[in-house]
Protein backbone atom coordinates (compact mmCIF):
# COMPACT_ATOMS: atom_id res chain seq x y z
CA MET A 1 1.93 -36.08 -1.26
CA LEU A 2 4.53 -34.95 1.28
CA ALA A 3 6.63 -38.14 1.26
CA GLY A 4 10.30 -37.60 0.60
CA LEU A 5 10.59 -34.18 2.23
CA VAL A 6 11.89 -33.69 5.76
CA LEU A 7 11.69 -30.31 7.47
CA ILE A 8 14.38 -29.55 10.03
CA PHE A 9 14.98 -26.41 12.01
CA ALA A 10 18.53 -25.11 11.86
CA GLY A 11 20.97 -26.18 14.51
CA LEU A 12 24.46 -27.54 14.73
CA TYR A 13 23.31 -30.80 16.29
CA TRP A 14 21.20 -31.58 13.21
CA ALA A 15 24.09 -31.44 10.71
CA ARG A 16 24.89 -35.16 10.90
CA LEU A 17 21.24 -36.13 10.57
CA VAL A 18 20.80 -33.87 7.54
CA GLN A 19 23.89 -35.34 5.88
CA ALA A 20 22.71 -38.90 6.55
CA LEU A 21 19.26 -38.22 5.14
CA GLU A 22 20.62 -36.47 2.06
CA ARG A 23 23.03 -39.36 1.40
CA ARG A 24 19.96 -41.59 1.30
CA GLY A 25 18.26 -39.34 -1.23
CA VAL A 26 15.84 -37.65 1.16
CA ARG A 27 15.11 -34.05 0.30
CA VAL A 28 15.73 -31.92 3.39
CA LEU A 29 14.58 -28.34 3.88
CA THR A 30 16.36 -26.62 6.76
CA LEU A 31 14.47 -23.70 8.27
CA GLU A 32 15.95 -20.92 10.35
CA ASP A 33 14.40 -20.24 13.74
CA ALA A 34 11.73 -17.58 13.29
CA SER A 35 12.13 -15.01 16.05
CA ASP A 36 9.63 -12.53 14.57
CA PHE A 37 6.65 -12.47 12.21
CA GLN A 38 8.85 -11.70 9.21
CA GLY A 39 10.78 -14.90 9.95
CA VAL A 40 7.51 -16.86 10.15
CA ARG A 41 6.46 -15.44 6.78
CA ARG A 42 9.84 -16.36 5.27
CA ASN A 43 9.62 -19.95 6.57
CA LEU A 44 6.04 -20.39 5.35
CA ARG A 45 7.06 -19.24 1.88
CA ARG A 46 10.10 -21.53 1.81
CA VAL A 47 7.96 -24.54 2.76
CA GLY A 48 5.37 -23.54 0.16
CA ASP A 49 8.07 -23.30 -2.50
CA ALA A 50 9.60 -26.63 -1.50
CA LEU A 51 6.21 -28.33 -1.82
CA GLY A 52 5.24 -26.52 -5.01
CA GLN A 53 2.46 -24.81 -3.04
CA ARG A 54 3.47 -21.14 -3.01
CA PRO A 55 -0.13 -19.90 -3.46
CA ALA A 56 -1.23 -21.89 -0.40
CA ALA A 57 1.68 -20.49 1.61
CA GLU A 58 0.76 -16.94 0.53
CA ALA A 59 -2.83 -17.56 1.64
CA ILE A 60 -1.60 -18.61 5.08
CA VAL A 61 0.64 -15.53 5.30
CA ALA A 62 -2.25 -13.28 4.25
CA ASP A 63 -4.54 -14.86 6.86
CA MET A 64 -1.89 -14.40 9.55
CA ASP A 65 -1.44 -10.75 8.55
CA ARG A 66 -5.21 -10.12 8.65
CA ARG A 67 -5.40 -11.60 12.14
CA LEU A 68 -2.43 -9.53 13.30
CA ALA A 69 -4.01 -6.38 11.89
CA ARG A 70 -7.28 -7.13 13.72
CA SER A 71 -5.39 -7.53 16.98
CA ALA A 72 -3.57 -4.20 16.65
CA GLY A 73 -4.12 -2.16 19.79
CA ALA A 74 -5.57 -5.07 21.75
CA TRP A 75 -3.04 -4.50 24.51
CA LYS A 76 -3.97 -0.81 24.78
CA GLY A 77 -0.36 0.30 25.14
CA ARG A 78 0.59 -2.31 27.76
CA ARG A 79 3.69 -4.39 27.19
CA ALA A 80 4.08 -8.12 27.51
CA ILE A 81 7.14 -10.25 27.97
CA TYR A 82 7.26 -13.69 26.45
């Protein structure tokens, strides 16, 4: 069950909320903003660890990596801006 865990992305404006939740005994996991795939992997693993579900997190990371590998070259050298 996921009750009792709150996930929050890092940010200065969340500090007071995090403190208030923690004072009330709520377990808070603060995640850094993932600006690349390595950051996404890191966040998935941290959530998996926090929930005691590291194997499930690793399976999600492995699936993501397989999909990324399959898409390699899909742009045929063209660049994209996001």
